[in-house]
């Protein structure tokens, strides 16, 4: 790190020293106006929203849509980027035909401000209410919506929602801050707003709208009516793999820049973003950067959640318990690679149905190649986070479809069994890890109760049946699926295979497709 520490910090005054092969902002940053307020300004948003926005600004010369990034919890991003005047490097990484890692670097310049909600909770509503603000976008992860993962309903007893209803001037939650900001906006010029979720949730705009309206109805029914009538909530889908930035990434990217960048972002070159073209106060011309402006994003959402996200989650839980630290390492294993291919082809695609303009088998093959990208080192533990919030819309929805179709689902059941095994907190060699989930305490209780149920049973088969039946009775995740004996039996069979053979052994022993 001595070389990095000796460098100048990435900043506007040092941009002229960046090597010519690194793209830098080709516009006057001083002309940018703060037209977008983005909640959750982590790596994911900086790798797609800000990257696309950068290209649109350069190609169109439109300066009304600079981004003010808001961190809802930690000051980490702000602490790193404020000294850099919001500048950071996007590193797109893949491998060439010989398997050699390569990267393309670009300095992104359209972050015009950074805020941290816990440091000034009243600032975010003011930003939302500001006259220049035209779009509020979110990547606050599934748990940031304070909703029941099984039903999607706003959790009025959630600690942050209860706080925001009682103390509206200093909101903690994204939903509370949005409603407070819209209230100030309504009382001011009365100009409506576009609110755009970019999180991996089904019908994410519709969900955001329902949560905002539910909160507003609790505290200000006339405001709820105005939001319902005037504001828009476009659905969207974003697909790009963005691993967590490591210290090694920081050092390597800084060395390539010749400047110290404390918070670069690493991503794959692939990017697909489909968003419904419903923007009540205008929008950047993102289409010049490849964004698909569509009438309905739902087919694209289904594709992303049920294929890309579902297989990512299944791979993550199996890999963690098998001791495989990265996605590319997992895909190098023949049993895992075959399982992912079969999962998509045999169970997910038939339940998914046709997606207009998409060759699903070809998409699945390209997805597997993306997962195998050796240049990303995407940590499986990162993907494994927050499973209680992810499984319902990624995996359980396809299982429900297959139950309704009367078709078996052993490969999807394996993904659920892997999550239950993962929640036990140690891999097959006994190495412990932390369960990072907003429902971690409740899930630990479910694991313990399920273990007691298994001990009270007789044979190994009966024990696993009892264990799974006990666990999937947890309705905040499984809803009515927990009452399905077919679901319980399918998951129990795979759970027993995991205990007897280990993850890779269980995958290798999976029976082939039926004729």
Protein backbone atom coordinates (compact mmCIF):
# COMPACT_ATOMS: atom_id res chain seq x y z
CA UNK A 1 0.00 0.00 0.00
CA UNK A 2 3.04 2.33 0.18
CA UNK A 3 2.77 3.13 -3.54
CA UNK A 4 -0.91 4.01 -3.20
CA UNK A 5 -0.34 6.16 -0.12
CA UNK A 6 2.36 8.14 -1.94
CA UNK A 7 0.01 9.08 -4.78
CA UNK A 8 -2.13 12.16 -5.14
CA UNK A 9 -5.80 11.57 -4.43
CA UNK A 10 -8.19 11.28 -7.37
CA UNK A 11 -9.66 14.77 -7.72
CA UNK A 12 -10.67 17.28 -10.42
CA UNK A 13 -7.34 19.08 -10.26
CA UNK A 14 -5.39 15.87 -10.95
CA UNK A 15 -7.55 14.41 -13.73
CA UNK A 16 -5.18 15.69 -16.40
CA UNK A 17 -2.53 13.23 -15.17
CA UNK A 18 -4.71 10.16 -15.76
CA UNK A 19 -3.31 7.85 -18.52
CA UNK A 20 -4.93 8.49 -21.92
CA UNK A 21 -6.48 5.01 -22.11
CA UNK A 22 -8.64 5.84 -19.06
CA UNK A 23 -11.79 7.80 -19.97
CA UNK A 24 -12.49 10.87 -17.85
CA UNK A 25 -15.50 13.25 -17.82
CA UNK A 26 -15.65 15.03 -21.20
CA UNK A 27 -18.00 17.78 -19.99
CA UNK A 28 -17.94 20.70 -17.59
CA UNK A 29 -18.84 19.23 -14.20
CA UNK A 30 -19.48 22.74 -12.91
CA UNK A 31 -22.62 22.94 -15.07
CA UNK A 32 -24.23 19.84 -13.55
CA UNK A 33 -27.46 20.33 -11.62
CA UNK A 34 -28.75 17.89 -8.98
CA UNK A 35 -31.73 16.42 -10.82
CA UNK A 36 -31.58 12.87 -9.38
CA UNK A 37 -31.56 11.93 -5.70
CA UNK A 38 -30.42 8.34 -5.29
CA UNK A 39 -31.02 6.44 -2.06
CA UNK A 40 -28.46 3.72 -1.39
CA UNK A 41 -25.41 4.99 -3.27
CA UNK A 42 -23.44 1.74 -3.04
CA UNK A 43 -21.42 -0.12 -5.65
CA UNK A 44 -24.46 -1.44 -7.51
CA UNK A 45 -25.88 2.02 -8.26
CA UNK A 46 -22.49 3.47 -9.13
CA UNK A 47 -21.86 0.60 -11.57
CA UNK A 48 -25.06 1.08 -13.56
CA UNK A 49 -27.16 4.21 -12.84
CA UNK A 50 -24.23 6.58 -12.60
CA UNK A 51 -22.35 4.84 -15.41
CA UNK A 52 -25.30 5.09 -17.80
CA UNK A 53 -25.97 8.65 -16.68
CA UNK A 54 -22.35 9.55 -17.43
CA UNK A 55 -22.66 8.32 -21.00
CA UNK A 56 -25.97 10.15 -21.49
CA UNK A 57 -24.52 13.43 -20.23
CA UNK A 58 -21.50 13.16 -22.52
CA UNK A 59 -23.53 12.27 -25.60
CA UNK A 60 -26.39 14.76 -25.15
CA UNK A 61 -24.85 17.68 -23.27
CA UNK A 62 -27.86 17.63 -20.89
CA UNK A 63 -26.70 18.85 -17.46
CA UNK A 64 -29.95 18.79 -15.44
CA UNK A 65 -29.53 15.29 -14.10
CA UNK A 66 -26.50 15.15 -11.86
CA UNK A 67 -26.86 12.64 -9.02
CA UNK A 68 -26.95 13.40 -5.31
CA UNK A 69 -26.09 10.11 -3.62
CA UNK A 70 -27.55 9.34 -0.21
CA UNK A 71 -26.21 6.62 2.10
CA UNK A 72 -29.03 5.38 4.33
CA UNK A 73 -26.83 3.73 6.98
CA UNK A 74 -23.05 4.00 6.74
CA UNK A 75 -20.84 6.98 5.98
CA UNK A 76 -18.28 4.74 4.24
CA UNK A 77 -19.07 5.86 0.69
CA UNK A 78 -19.33 9.53 1.61
CA UNK A 79 -16.08 9.44 3.62
CA UNK A 80 -14.27 8.00 0.61
CA UNK A 81 -15.79 10.10 -2.17
CA UNK A 82 -16.29 13.56 -0.67
CA UNK A 83 -12.48 14.16 -0.63
CA UNK A 84 -12.54 13.10 -4.31
CA UNK A 85 -15.34 15.58 -5.18
CA UNK A 86 -17.54 12.59 -6.02
CA UNK A 87 -15.16 11.17 -8.61
CA UNK A 88 -14.53 7.42 -8.70
CA UNK A 89 -13.32 4.79 -11.15
CA UNK A 90 -15.48 2.13 -12.77
CA UNK A 91 -13.42 -0.96 -13.68
CA UNK A 92 -15.11 -3.34 -16.12
CA UNK A 93 -13.39 -6.72 -15.91
CA UNK A 94 -13.51 -9.93 -17.90
CA UNK A 95 -11.07 -12.32 -19.57
CA UNK A 96 -9.81 -12.55 -23.14
CA UNK A 97 -9.99 -15.64 -25.37
CA UNK A 98 -6.92 -17.11 -23.63
CA UNK A 99 -8.46 -16.61 -20.18
CA UNK A 100 -6.22 -13.66 -19.27
CA UNK A 101 -7.91 -11.04 -17.07
CA UNK A 102 -8.39 -7.58 -18.56
CA UNK A 103 -10.09 -4.37 -17.48
CA UNK A 104 -11.40 -1.12 -18.93
CA UNK A 105 -11.25 1.93 -16.65
CA UNK A 106 -13.43 5.04 -16.68
CA UNK A 107 -13.62 7.88 -14.17
CA UNK A 108 -17.26 8.74 -13.44
CA UNK A 109 -18.06 12.38 -12.74
CA UNK A 110 -21.82 12.90 -12.39
CA UNK A 111 -22.08 12.49 -8.62
CA UNK A 112 -22.63 16.10 -7.57
CA UNK A 113 -23.24 15.54 -3.86
CA UNK A 114 -23.13 12.92 -1.12
CA UNK A 115 -25.20 12.77 2.05
CA UNK A 116 -25.48 10.37 4.99
CA UNK A 117 -28.96 10.03 6.51
CA UNK A 118 -27.92 9.22 10.11
CA UNK A 119 -25.78 12.36 10.20
CA UNK A 120 -28.67 14.64 9.11
CA UNK A 121 -32.01 12.85 8.86
CA UNK A 122 -33.88 16.04 7.91
CA UNK A 123 -31.68 16.66 4.86
CA UNK A 124 -33.06 13.85 2.70
CA UNK A 125 -36.69 15.07 2.68
CA UNK A 126 -35.42 18.53 1.75
CA UNK A 127 -33.47 17.06 -1.17
CA UNK A 128 -36.55 15.20 -2.38
CA UNK A 129 -38.61 18.38 -2.10
CA UNK A 130 -36.03 20.56 -3.89
CA UNK A 131 -37.23 22.20 -7.10
CA UNK A 132 -34.30 20.82 -9.12
CA UNK A 133 -35.09 17.22 -8.17
CA UNK A 134 -36.93 15.35 -10.91
CA UNK A 135 -36.23 11.68 -10.10
CA UNK A 136 -35.76 9.81 -6.82
CA UNK A 137 -34.21 6.39 -7.39
CA UNK A 138 -33.41 3.59 -4.96
CA UNK A 139 -31.01 0.68 -4.49
CA UNK A 140 -31.57 0.05 -0.80
CA UNK A 141 -31.63 -3.79 -1.17
CA UNK A 142 -34.66 -5.95 -0.50
CA UNK A 143 -34.56 -5.39 3.26
CA UNK A 144 -34.61 -1.60 2.85
CA UNK A 145 -38.30 -1.62 1.91
CA UNK A 146 -39.50 -2.70 5.38
CA UNK A 147 -42.06 -5.02 3.87
CA UNK A 148 -43.20 -8.55 4.55
CA UNK A 149 -41.13 -10.65 2.11
CA UNK A 150 -43.96 -13.15 1.62
CA UNK A 151 -46.82 -10.67 1.01
CA UNK A 152 -45.11 -7.36 0.14
CA UNK A 153 -47.18 -5.45 2.71
CA UNK A 154 -45.62 -2.55 4.63
CA UNK A 155 -44.59 -3.65 8.12
CA UNK A 156 -46.09 -0.94 10.29
CA UNK A 157 -44.43 -2.49 13.35
CA UNK A 158 -40.97 -2.44 11.72
CA UNK A 159 -38.72 -0.41 14.03
CA UNK A 160 -37.81 2.15 11.35
CA UNK A 161 -41.39 2.55 10.06
CA UNK A 162 -42.77 2.93 13.60
CA UNK A 163 -40.09 5.55 14.30
CA UNK A 164 -40.85 7.48 11.12
CA UNK A 165 -44.58 7.56 11.80
CA UNK A 166 -43.88 8.92 15.28
CA UNK A 167 -41.02 11.27 14.29
CA UNK A 168 -41.66 12.31 10.65
CA UNK A 169 -39.14 15.19 10.69
CA UNK A 170 -36.16 12.84 11.15
CA UNK A 171 -36.93 9.72 9.12
CA UNK A 172 -34.75 6.60 9.22
CA UNK A 173 -36.32 4.51 6.46
CA UNK A 174 -36.35 5.10 2.73
CA UNK A 175 -40.16 4.94 2.73
CA UNK A 176 -40.51 7.44 5.57
CA UNK A 177 -38.02 9.85 3.99
CA UNK A 178 -39.76 9.67 0.61
CA UNK A 179 -43.18 10.41 2.09
CA UNK A 180 -41.82 13.27 4.19
CA UNK A 181 -40.07 14.72 1.12
CA UNK A 182 -43.22 14.40 -0.99
CA UNK A 183 -45.19 16.11 1.75
CA UNK A 184 -42.81 19.08 1.66
CA UNK A 185 -42.94 19.08 -2.13
CA UNK A 186 -46.75 19.02 -2.09
CA UNK A 187 -46.88 21.94 0.33
CA UNK A 188 -44.36 23.85 -1.80
CA UNK A 189 -44.68 24.15 -5.54
CA UNK A 190 -46.80 21.02 -5.76
CA UNK A 191 -44.69 19.59 -8.58
CA UNK A 192 -44.95 15.79 -8.78
CA UNK A 193 -42.02 13.43 -8.93
CA UNK A 194 -40.86 10.15 -10.47
CA UNK A 195 -39.85 7.50 -7.94
CA UNK A 196 -37.87 4.63 -9.43
CA UNK A 197 -36.79 1.46 -7.67
CA UNK A 198 -33.78 -0.31 -9.16
CA UNK A 199 -33.74 -3.15 -6.62
CA UNK A 200 -34.20 -6.83 -7.43
CA UNK A 201 -37.87 -7.05 -6.53
CA UNK A 202 -40.85 -8.16 -8.63
CA UNK A 203 -42.77 -5.18 -10.04
CA UNK A 204 -40.42 -3.00 -8.02
CA UNK A 205 -42.10 0.28 -9.01
CA UNK A 206 -45.55 -1.03 -8.17
CA UNK A 207 -44.23 -2.32 -4.85
CA UNK A 208 -42.60 1.03 -4.03
CA UNK A 209 -45.83 2.80 -4.88
CA UNK A 210 -47.89 0.53 -2.62
CA UNK A 211 -45.50 1.01 0.31
CA UNK A 212 -45.32 4.79 -0.12
CA UNK A 213 -49.11 5.05 -0.35
CA UNK A 214 -49.58 2.78 2.69
CA UNK A 215 -47.24 4.95 4.77
CA UNK A 216 -48.81 8.19 3.51
CA UNK A 217 -52.30 6.87 4.22
CA UNK A 218 -51.29 6.27 7.83
CA UNK A 219 -50.11 9.83 8.40
CA UNK A 220 -51.71 12.07 5.74
CA UNK A 221 -54.55 10.69 3.57
CA UNK A 222 -54.81 13.81 1.34
CA UNK A 223 -51.10 13.49 0.61
CA UNK A 224 -51.63 9.84 -0.31
CA UNK A 225 -54.32 10.88 -2.77
CA UNK A 226 -51.99 13.47 -4.38
CA UNK A 227 -49.14 10.94 -4.69
CA UNK A 228 -51.51 8.39 -6.19
CA UNK A 229 -52.81 10.91 -8.70
CA UNK A 230 -49.66 12.84 -9.68
CA UNK A 231 -46.47 10.83 -9.08
CA UNK A 232 -45.14 7.96 -11.20
CA UNK A 233 -43.40 4.75 -10.13
CA UNK A 234 -41.91 3.04 -13.21
CA UNK A 235 -40.95 -0.61 -12.91
CA UNK A 236 -37.42 -1.48 -13.95
CA UNK A 237 -34.89 -4.27 -14.26
CA UNK A 238 -31.12 -3.91 -14.02
CA UNK A 239 -28.72 -6.78 -14.67
CA UNK A 240 -25.01 -6.38 -14.01
CA UNK A 241 -22.75 -8.40 -11.69
CA UNK A 242 -21.05 -6.07 -9.21
CA UNK A 243 -18.80 -7.73 -6.62
CA UNK A 244 -17.73 -5.98 -3.45
CA UNK A 245 -14.62 -3.81 -3.91
CA UNK A 246 -11.59 -5.22 -2.08
CA UNK A 247 -8.40 -3.59 -0.83
CA UNK A 248 -6.58 -5.38 -3.66
CA UNK A 249 -9.00 -3.77 -6.15
CA UNK A 250 -8.32 -0.33 -4.70
CA UNK A 251 -4.58 -0.83 -4.91
CA UNK A 252 -4.59 -2.21 -8.47
CA UNK A 253 -6.96 0.44 -9.85
CA UNK A 254 -5.07 3.25 -8.13
CA UNK A 255 -1.81 1.97 -9.60
CA UNK A 256 -3.37 1.93 -13.10
CA UNK A 257 -4.68 5.49 -12.63
CA UNK A 258 -1.55 6.87 -11.06
CA UNK A 259 -3.92 8.42 -8.51
CA UNK A 260 -5.32 7.12 -5.24
CA UNK A 261 -8.99 6.14 -5.58
CA UNK A 262 -10.40 5.08 -2.22
CA UNK A 263 -13.72 3.75 -3.53
CA UNK A 264 -13.62 2.41 -7.10
CA UNK A 265 -16.28 0.01 -8.39
CA UNK A 266 -15.65 -3.30 -10.14
CA UNK A 267 -18.24 -4.82 -12.51
CA UNK A 268 -18.63 -7.07 -15.53
CA UNK A 269 -18.92 -5.44 -18.99
CA UNK A 270 -22.44 -6.85 -19.49
CA UNK A 271 -25.27 -4.45 -18.65
CA UNK A 272 -28.98 -4.67 -19.34
CA UNK A 273 -31.39 -2.06 -18.01
CA UNK A 274 -35.06 -2.01 -18.97
CA UNK A 275 -37.30 0.68 -17.46
CA UNK A 276 -40.85 1.77 -18.13
CA UNK A 277 -40.92 5.17 -19.80
CA UNK A 278 -43.12 6.90 -17.22
CA UNK A 279 -41.24 9.98 -15.97
CA UNK A 280 -43.51 12.80 -14.92
CA UNK A 281 -40.76 15.46 -14.69
CA UNK A 282 -38.54 14.39 -17.57
CA UNK A 283 -35.51 12.11 -17.61
CA UNK A 284 -32.02 11.84 -19.07
CA UNK A 285 -31.78 10.33 -22.55
CA UNK A 286 -30.47 7.06 -21.15
CA UNK A 287 -31.41 5.27 -24.36
CA UNK A 288 -28.26 6.67 -26.00
CA UNK A 289 -26.32 4.53 -23.51
CA UNK A 290 -28.27 1.36 -24.32
CA UNK A 291 -31.11 1.53 -21.80
CA UNK A 292 -34.33 -0.10 -23.02
CA UNK A 293 -37.31 2.24 -22.50
CA UNK A 294 -40.29 -0.11 -22.49
CA UNK A 295 -44.05 -0.10 -21.95
CA UNK A 296 -43.77 -2.89 -19.38
CA UNK A 297 -40.66 -4.08 -17.54
CA UNK A 298 -42.38 -7.11 -16.03
CA UNK A 299 -41.10 -9.71 -18.53
CA UNK A 300 -37.55 -8.45 -17.97
CA UNK A 301 -38.04 -8.49 -14.19
CA UNK A 302 -39.23 -12.10 -14.33
CA UNK A 303 -36.21 -13.01 -16.44
CA UNK A 304 -33.74 -11.39 -14.03
CA UNK A 305 -35.30 -12.58 -10.76
CA UNK A 306 -36.21 -16.11 -11.76
CA UNK A 307 -33.19 -16.94 -13.86
CA UNK A 308 -30.17 -14.76 -13.02
CA UNK A 309 -30.93 -14.05 -9.36
CA UNK A 310 -32.40 -17.49 -8.60
CA UNK A 311 -29.39 -19.36 -9.97
CA UNK A 312 -27.01 -16.93 -8.26
CA UNK A 313 -28.68 -17.60 -4.91
CA UNK A 314 -28.78 -21.38 -5.42
CA UNK A 315 -25.10 -21.38 -6.37
CA UNK A 316 -24.20 -19.16 -3.41
CA UNK A 317 -25.76 -21.34 -0.70
CA UNK A 318 -24.38 -24.56 -2.14
CA UNK A 319 -20.96 -22.98 -2.58
CA UNK A 320 -20.73 -21.54 0.92
CA UNK A 321 -21.51 -24.87 2.57
CA UNK A 322 -19.06 -26.59 0.18
CA UNK A 323 -16.34 -24.06 1.03
CA UNK A 324 -16.16 -22.48 -2.44
CA UNK A 325 -15.43 -18.77 -1.90
CA UNK A 326 -16.15 -17.27 -5.34
CA UNK A 327 -18.67 -17.76 -8.14
CA UNK A 328 -16.03 -18.56 -10.76
CA UNK A 329 -14.51 -21.20 -8.46
CA UNK A 330 -17.96 -22.75 -8.08
CA UNK A 331 -18.56 -22.74 -11.84
CA UNK A 332 -15.20 -24.51 -12.32
CA UNK A 333 -16.70 -27.47 -10.46
CA UNK A 334 -18.39 -29.89 -12.88
CA UNK A 335 -21.24 -30.85 -10.49
CA UNK A 336 -22.06 -27.19 -9.81
CA UNK A 337 -21.84 -26.16 -13.45
CA UNK A 338 -24.08 -29.04 -14.52
CA UNK A 339 -26.56 -28.26 -11.75
CA UNK A 340 -26.85 -24.60 -12.78
CA UNK A 341 -27.37 -25.60 -16.42
CA UNK A 342 -30.03 -28.16 -15.51
CA UNK A 343 -31.76 -25.83 -13.04
CA UNK A 344 -32.29 -23.21 -15.72
CA UNK A 345 -33.16 -25.54 -18.59
CA UNK A 346 -35.33 -28.10 -16.81
CA UNK A 347 -37.19 -26.14 -14.15
CA UNK A 348 -36.83 -22.36 -14.38
CA UNK A 349 -37.37 -21.83 -18.12
CA UNK A 350 -40.51 -24.02 -18.30
CA UNK A 351 -42.03 -22.15 -15.34
CA UNK A 352 -40.90 -18.78 -16.67
CA UNK A 353 -42.72 -18.89 -19.98
CA UNK A 354 -41.77 -16.95 -23.10
CA UNK A 355 -40.04 -13.54 -22.82
CA UNK A 356 -40.58 -11.37 -25.93
CA UNK A 357 -37.40 -11.05 -27.96
CA UNK A 358 -35.33 -13.34 -25.71
CA UNK A 359 -33.94 -16.74 -26.70
CA UNK A 360 -34.07 -18.29 -23.24
CA UNK A 361 -31.66 -21.22 -23.78
CA UNK A 362 -29.12 -18.83 -25.34
CA UNK A 363 -29.64 -16.39 -22.45
CA UNK A 364 -29.03 -19.21 -19.97
CA UNK A 365 -25.80 -20.20 -21.74
CA UNK A 366 -24.57 -16.60 -21.76
CA UNK A 367 -25.47 -16.27 -18.08
CA UNK A 368 -23.37 -19.32 -17.21
CA UNK A 369 -20.42 -17.73 -19.04
CA UNK A 370 -20.92 -14.54 -17.06
CA UNK A 371 -20.89 -16.50 -13.79
CA UNK A 372 -17.62 -18.18 -14.83
CA UNK A 373 -15.89 -14.79 -15.35
CA UNK A 374 -12.54 -15.27 -13.54
CA UNK A 375 -11.78 -11.55 -13.39
CA UNK A 376 -14.53 -10.68 -10.88
CA UNK A 377 -13.83 -12.97 -7.89
CA UNK A 378 -17.45 -12.44 -6.80
CA UNK A 379 -17.72 -13.67 -3.21
CA UNK A 380 -20.42 -16.28 -2.64
CA UNK A 381 -20.96 -15.00 0.90
CA UNK A 382 -21.90 -11.59 -0.54
CA UNK A 383 -24.62 -13.18 -2.67
CA UNK A 384 -25.80 -15.33 0.27
CA UNK A 385 -26.80 -12.28 2.35
CA UNK A 386 -30.45 -11.53 3.16
CA UNK A 387 -31.87 -14.83 1.96
CA UNK A 388 -35.16 -14.31 3.79
CA UNK A 389 -35.79 -11.29 1.59
CA UNK A 390 -34.62 -12.90 -1.65
CA UNK A 391 -35.94 -16.47 -1.77
CA UNK A 392 -39.67 -15.67 -2.13
CA UNK A 393 -39.31 -13.77 -5.42
CA UNK A 394 -36.26 -15.64 -6.73
CA UNK A 395 -36.98 -19.30 -6.04
CA UNK A 396 -40.25 -19.91 -4.20
CA UNK A 397 -42.29 -18.25 -6.97
CA UNK A 398 -41.03 -20.79 -9.53
CA UNK A 399 -41.75 -23.63 -7.11
CA UNK A 400 -45.30 -22.35 -6.70
CA UNK A 401 -45.71 -22.29 -10.48
CA UNK A 402 -44.44 -25.84 -10.85
CA UNK A 403 -46.74 -27.06 -8.07
CA UNK A 404 -49.66 -25.49 -9.92
CA UNK A 405 -48.50 -27.10 -13.17
CA UNK A 406 -48.15 -30.49 -11.49
CA UNK A 407 -44.46 -30.77 -12.48
CA UNK A 408 -41.60 -31.89 -10.19
CA UNK A 409 -38.97 -29.47 -8.92
CA UNK A 410 -36.05 -31.37 -7.33
CA UNK A 411 -33.47 -28.82 -8.56
CA UNK A 412 -35.35 -25.84 -7.10
CA UNK A 413 -35.92 -27.88 -3.94
CA UNK A 414 -32.14 -28.34 -3.73
CA UNK A 415 -31.73 -24.54 -3.65
CA UNK A 416 -34.16 -24.26 -0.72
CA UNK A 417 -32.48 -27.16 1.09
CA UNK A 418 -29.10 -25.48 0.59
CA UNK A 419 -30.42 -22.27 2.19
CA UNK A 420 -31.70 -24.19 5.21
CA UNK A 421 -28.34 -25.94 5.53
CA UNK A 422 -26.51 -22.62 5.09
CA UNK A 423 -28.49 -21.13 7.98
CA UNK A 424 -26.82 -23.60 10.34
CA UNK A 425 -23.80 -21.28 10.24
CA UNK A 426 -20.89 -23.60 9.39
CA UNK A 427 -19.64 -25.23 6.20
CA UNK A 428 -18.98 -28.93 5.64
CA UNK A 429 -15.52 -28.65 7.20
CA UNK A 430 -16.90 -26.98 10.32
CA UNK A 431 -15.72 -23.45 9.51
CA UNK A 432 -18.20 -20.99 11.03
CA UNK A 433 -19.55 -17.90 9.28
CA UNK A 434 -21.97 -15.12 10.17
CA UNK A 435 -25.55 -15.18 8.91
CA UNK A 436 -26.18 -11.68 7.54
CA UNK A 437 -29.96 -11.36 7.32
CA UNK A 438 -32.50 -8.89 8.76
CA UNK A 439 -34.40 -11.88 10.19
CA UNK A 440 -31.26 -13.62 11.48
CA UNK A 441 -32.50 -13.96 15.07
CA UNK A 442 -35.87 -15.41 14.05
CA UNK A 443 -34.20 -17.74 11.53
CA UNK A 444 -31.81 -19.01 14.22
CA UNK A 445 -34.83 -19.86 16.36
CA UNK A 446 -36.38 -21.70 13.43
CA UNK A 447 -33.17 -23.67 12.87
CA UNK A 448 -33.07 -24.65 16.54
CA UNK A 449 -36.74 -25.66 16.63
CA UNK A 450 -36.32 -27.63 13.39
CA UNK A 451 -33.35 -29.46 14.90
CA UNK A 452 -35.40 -30.43 17.93
CA UNK A 453 -38.15 -31.74 15.66
CA UNK A 454 -35.60 -33.83 13.79
CA UNK A 455 -34.22 -35.32 17.01
CA UNK A 456 -37.70 -36.44 18.01
CA UNK A 457 -38.19 -38.36 14.74
CA UNK A 458 -37.12 -41.91 13.98
CA UNK A 459 -35.30 -42.72 10.74
CA UNK A 460 -33.00 -40.23 8.94
CA UNK A 461 -35.72 -39.77 6.33
CA UNK A 462 -38.34 -39.04 8.98
CA UNK A 463 -35.95 -36.73 10.81
CA UNK A 464 -35.31 -34.63 7.71
CA UNK A 465 -39.02 -34.52 6.90
CA UNK A 466 -39.71 -33.23 10.42
CA UNK A 467 -36.85 -30.72 10.25
CA UNK A 468 -38.02 -29.22 6.99
CA UNK A 469 -41.70 -29.21 7.97
CA UNK A 470 -40.85 -27.31 11.13
CA UNK A 471 -38.69 -24.74 9.36
CA UNK A 472 -40.94 -23.98 6.39
CA UNK A 473 -43.83 -23.25 8.74
CA UNK A 474 -42.15 -19.83 9.07
CA UNK A 475 -44.75 -17.83 7.13
CA UNK A 476 -42.81 -14.51 6.77
CA UNK A 477 -40.68 -16.34 4.19
CA UNK A 478 -42.68 -19.34 2.99
CA UNK A 479 -46.28 -18.15 3.27
CA UNK A 480 -48.74 -20.86 2.24
CA UNK A 481 -45.98 -23.06 0.77
CA UNK A 482 -45.24 -24.26 4.28
CA UNK A 483 -48.52 -26.19 4.22
CA UNK A 484 -47.65 -28.15 1.07
CA UNK A 485 -46.66 -31.74 1.81
CA UNK A 486 -45.26 -32.05 -1.71
CA UNK A 487 -43.00 -29.03 -1.12
CA UNK A 488 -41.86 -30.36 2.27
CA UNK A 489 -41.09 -33.82 0.87
CA UNK A 490 -39.15 -32.42 -2.11
CA UNK A 491 -36.99 -30.16 0.09
CA UNK A 492 -36.49 -32.90 2.71
CA UNK A 493 -35.20 -35.32 0.07
CA UNK A 494 -32.55 -32.85 -1.05
CA UNK A 495 -31.73 -31.80 2.49
CA UNK A 496 -31.03 -35.42 3.39
CA UNK A 497 -28.81 -35.75 0.31
CA UNK A 498 -26.81 -32.70 1.40
CA UNK A 499 -26.26 -34.19 4.87
CA UNK A 500 -25.24 -37.59 3.53
CA UNK A 501 -23.10 -36.59 0.55
CA UNK A 502 -22.13 -32.95 0.98
CA UNK A 503 -23.06 -30.25 -1.53
CA UNK A 504 -21.00 -31.33 -4.52
CA UNK A 505 -21.66 -35.01 -3.88
CA UNK A 506 -25.40 -34.38 -3.67
CA UNK A 507 -25.31 -32.43 -6.93
CA UNK A 508 -23.34 -35.17 -8.69
CA UNK A 509 -25.87 -37.76 -7.49
CA UNK A 510 -28.94 -35.91 -8.75
CA UNK A 511 -30.88 -38.16 -11.13
CA UNK A 512 -30.92 -37.16 -14.78
CA UNK A 513 -33.92 -35.57 -16.50
CA UNK A 514 -36.97 -37.72 -17.06
CA UNK A 515 -37.52 -39.00 -20.58
